[in-house]
C-alpha atoms as a PDB file:
ATOM      1  CA  MET A   1       0.000   0.000   0.000  1.00  0.00           C
ATOM      2  CA  ASN A   2       1.333   3.448  -0.925  1.00  0.00           C
ATOM      3  CA  SER A   3       1.724   6.101   1.719  1.00  0.00           C
ATOM      4  CA  GLU A   4       0.162   9.536   1.264  1.00  0.00           C
ATOM      5  CA  LYS A   5       3.571  10.994   0.364  1.00  0.00           C
ATOM      6  CA  GLU A   6       3.777   8.553  -2.541  1.00  0.00           C
ATOM      7  CA  LYS A   7       0.444   9.606  -4.028  1.00  0.00           C
ATOM      8  CA  ASN A   8       0.368  11.602  -7.190  1.00  0.00           C
ATOM      9  CA  PRO A   9       2.012  15.020  -7.147  1.00  0.00           C
ATOM     10  CA  LYS A  10      -1.227  16.772  -8.140  1.00  0.00           C
ATOM     11  CA  GLU A  11      -2.946  15.509  -5.003  1.00  0.00           C
ATOM     12  CA  LYS A  12      -0.030  16.683  -2.852  1.00  0.00           C
ATOM     13  CA  VAL A  13      -0.145  20.119  -4.491  1.00  0.00           C
ATOM     14  CA  ASN A  14      -3.892  20.283  -3.781  1.00  0.00           C
ATOM     15  CA  LEU A  15      -3.288  19.414  -0.126  1.00  0.00           C
ATOM     16  CA  LEU A  16      -0.512  22.002   0.160  1.00  0.00           C
ATOM     17  CA  ASN A  17      -2.798  24.636  -1.380  1.00  0.00           C
ATOM     18  CA  HIS A  18      -5.485  23.677   1.114  1.00  0.00           C
ATOM     19  CA  VAL A  19      -2.969  24.164   3.969  1.00  0.00           C
ATOM     20  CA  LYS A  20      -2.112  27.592   2.537  1.00  0.00           C
ATOM     21  CA  ASN A  21      -5.789  28.605   2.423  1.00  0.00           C
ATOM     22  CA  LEU A  22      -6.471  27.309   5.930  1.00  0.00           C
ATOM     23  CA  THR A  23      -3.395  29.124   7.227  1.00  0.00           C
ATOM     24  CA  ALA A  24      -4.716  32.380   5.778  1.00  0.00           C
ATOM     25  CA  GLU A  25      -8.021  31.778   7.587  1.00  0.00           C
ATOM     26  CA  ILE A  26      -6.172  31.012  10.828  1.00  0.00           C
ATOM     27  CA  ASP A  27      -4.163  34.221  10.452  1.00  0.00           C
ATOM     28  CA  THR A  28      -7.408  36.207  10.435  1.00  0.00           C
ATOM     29  CA  ASN A  29      -9.094  34.154  13.151  1.00  0.00           C
ATOM     30  CA  PRO A  30      -6.480  32.325  15.264  1.00  0.00           C
ATOM     31  CA  ALA A  31      -8.987  31.232  17.924  1.00  0.00           C
ATOM     32  CA  ASN A  32     -11.084  29.189  15.473  1.00  0.00           C
ATOM     33  CA  ALA A  33     -10.560  25.601  16.600  1.00  0.00           C
ATOM     34  CA  GLU A  34     -12.574  24.220  13.690  1.00  0.00           C
ATOM     35  CA  ILE A  35     -10.135  25.645  11.143  1.00  0.00           C
ATOM     36  CA  LEU A  36      -7.189  24.377  13.199  1.00  0.00           C
ATOM     37  CA  HIS A  37      -8.790  20.904  13.228  1.00  0.00           C
ATOM     38  CA  SER A  38      -9.109  21.072   9.441  1.00  0.00           C
ATOM     39  CA  ARG A  39      -5.496  22.075   8.933  1.00  0.00           C
ATOM     40  CA  ALA A  40      -4.265  19.417  11.357  1.00  0.00           C
ATOM     41  CA  ALA A  41      -6.214  16.799   9.383  1.00  0.00           C
ATOM     42  CA  VAL A  42      -4.520  17.918   6.164  1.00  0.00           C
ATOM     43  CA  TYR A  43      -1.129  17.781   7.873  1.00  0.00           C
ATOM     44  CA  ILE A  44      -1.921  14.190   8.853  1.00  0.00           C
ATOM     45  CA  LYS A  45      -2.707  13.357   5.210  1.00  0.00           C
ATOM     46  CA  LEU A  46       0.660  14.865   4.297  1.00  0.00           C
ATOM     47  CA  GLN A  47       2.303  12.894   7.121  1.00  0.00           C
ATOM     48  CA  GLU A  48       3.486  16.138   8.700  1.00  0.00           C
ATOM     49  CA  TRP A  49       3.020  14.759  12.206  1.00  0.00           C
ATOM     50  CA  ALA A  50       4.776  17.537  14.163  1.00  0.00           C
ATOM     51  CA  LYS A  51       2.785  20.271  12.411  1.00  0.00           C
ATOM     52  CA  ALA A  52      -0.442  18.422  13.165  1.00  0.00           C
ATOM     53  CA  ILE A  53       0.546  18.106  16.825  1.00  0.00           C
ATOM     54  CA  ASN A  54       1.262  21.849  16.943  1.00  0.00           C
ATOM     55  CA  ASP A  55      -2.227  22.605  15.638  1.00  0.00           C
ATOM     56  CA  TYR A  56      -3.827  20.223  18.126  1.00  0.00           C
ATOM     57  CA  GLN A  57      -1.856  21.880  20.940  1.00  0.00           C
ATOM     58  CA  LYS A  58      -3.167  25.286  19.817  1.00  0.00           C
ATOM     59  CA  ILE A  59      -6.687  23.839  19.900  1.00  0.00           C
ATOM     60  CA  LEU A  60      -6.133  22.733  23.491  1.00  0.00           C
ATOM     61  CA  GLU A  61      -5.032  26.270  24.350  1.00  0.00           C
ATOM     62  CA  ILE A  62      -8.417  27.417  23.041  1.00  0.00           C
ATOM     63  CA  ASP A  63     -10.400  24.555  24.600  1.00  0.00           C
ATOM     64  CA  LYS A  64      -8.532  22.423  27.115  1.00  0.00           C
ATOM     65  CA  ASN A  65     -11.397  19.884  27.070  1.00  0.00           C
ATOM     66  CA  ASP A  66     -11.239  19.122  23.329  1.00  0.00           C
ATOM     67  CA  LYS A  67     -11.130  15.322  23.407  1.00  0.00           C
ATOM     68  CA  ILE A  68     -10.423  14.970  19.695  1.00  0.00           C
ATOM     69  CA  ALA A  69      -7.336  17.185  19.898  1.00  0.00           C
ATOM     70  CA  SER A  70      -5.965  15.398  22.959  1.00  0.00           C
ATOM     71  CA  GLY A  71      -6.627  11.991  21.384  1.00  0.00           C
ATOM     72  CA  GLN A  72      -4.906  12.987  18.161  1.00  0.00           C
ATOM     73  CA  ILE A  73      -1.881  14.270  20.082  1.00  0.00           C
ATOM     74  CA  ASP A  74      -1.618  10.915  21.850  1.00  0.00           C
ATOM     75  CA  MET A  75      -1.883   9.014  18.549  1.00  0.00           C
ATOM     76  CA  LEU A  76       0.626  11.216  16.729  1.00  0.00           C
ATOM     77  CA  THR A  77       3.082  11.139  19.602  1.00  0.00           C
ATOM     78  CA  THR A  78       2.992   7.355  19.384  1.00  0.00           C
ATOM     79  CA  ILE A  79       3.727   7.540  15.636  1.00  0.00           C
ATOM     80  CA  LEU A  80       6.749   9.768  16.282  1.00  0.00           C
ATOM     81  CA  ARG A  81       8.287   7.380  18.822  1.00  0.00           C
END
């Protein structure tokens, strides 16, 4: 099975463009956890684990009770070990 990084270059470019657009939205509204969740999910598709963790940590700064963010941090930390 191919990893996400091995998928076609067009798909990767689309994901990177999506990150760029989400980042612009975050720049205008940094406390929007929903947008941070979206960007973190794209980072996971790109296998950018540390960047995803950073977004989930920002979400927890906004809402310390966000169970999805804390669960994703645990999962991604395990991947990075």
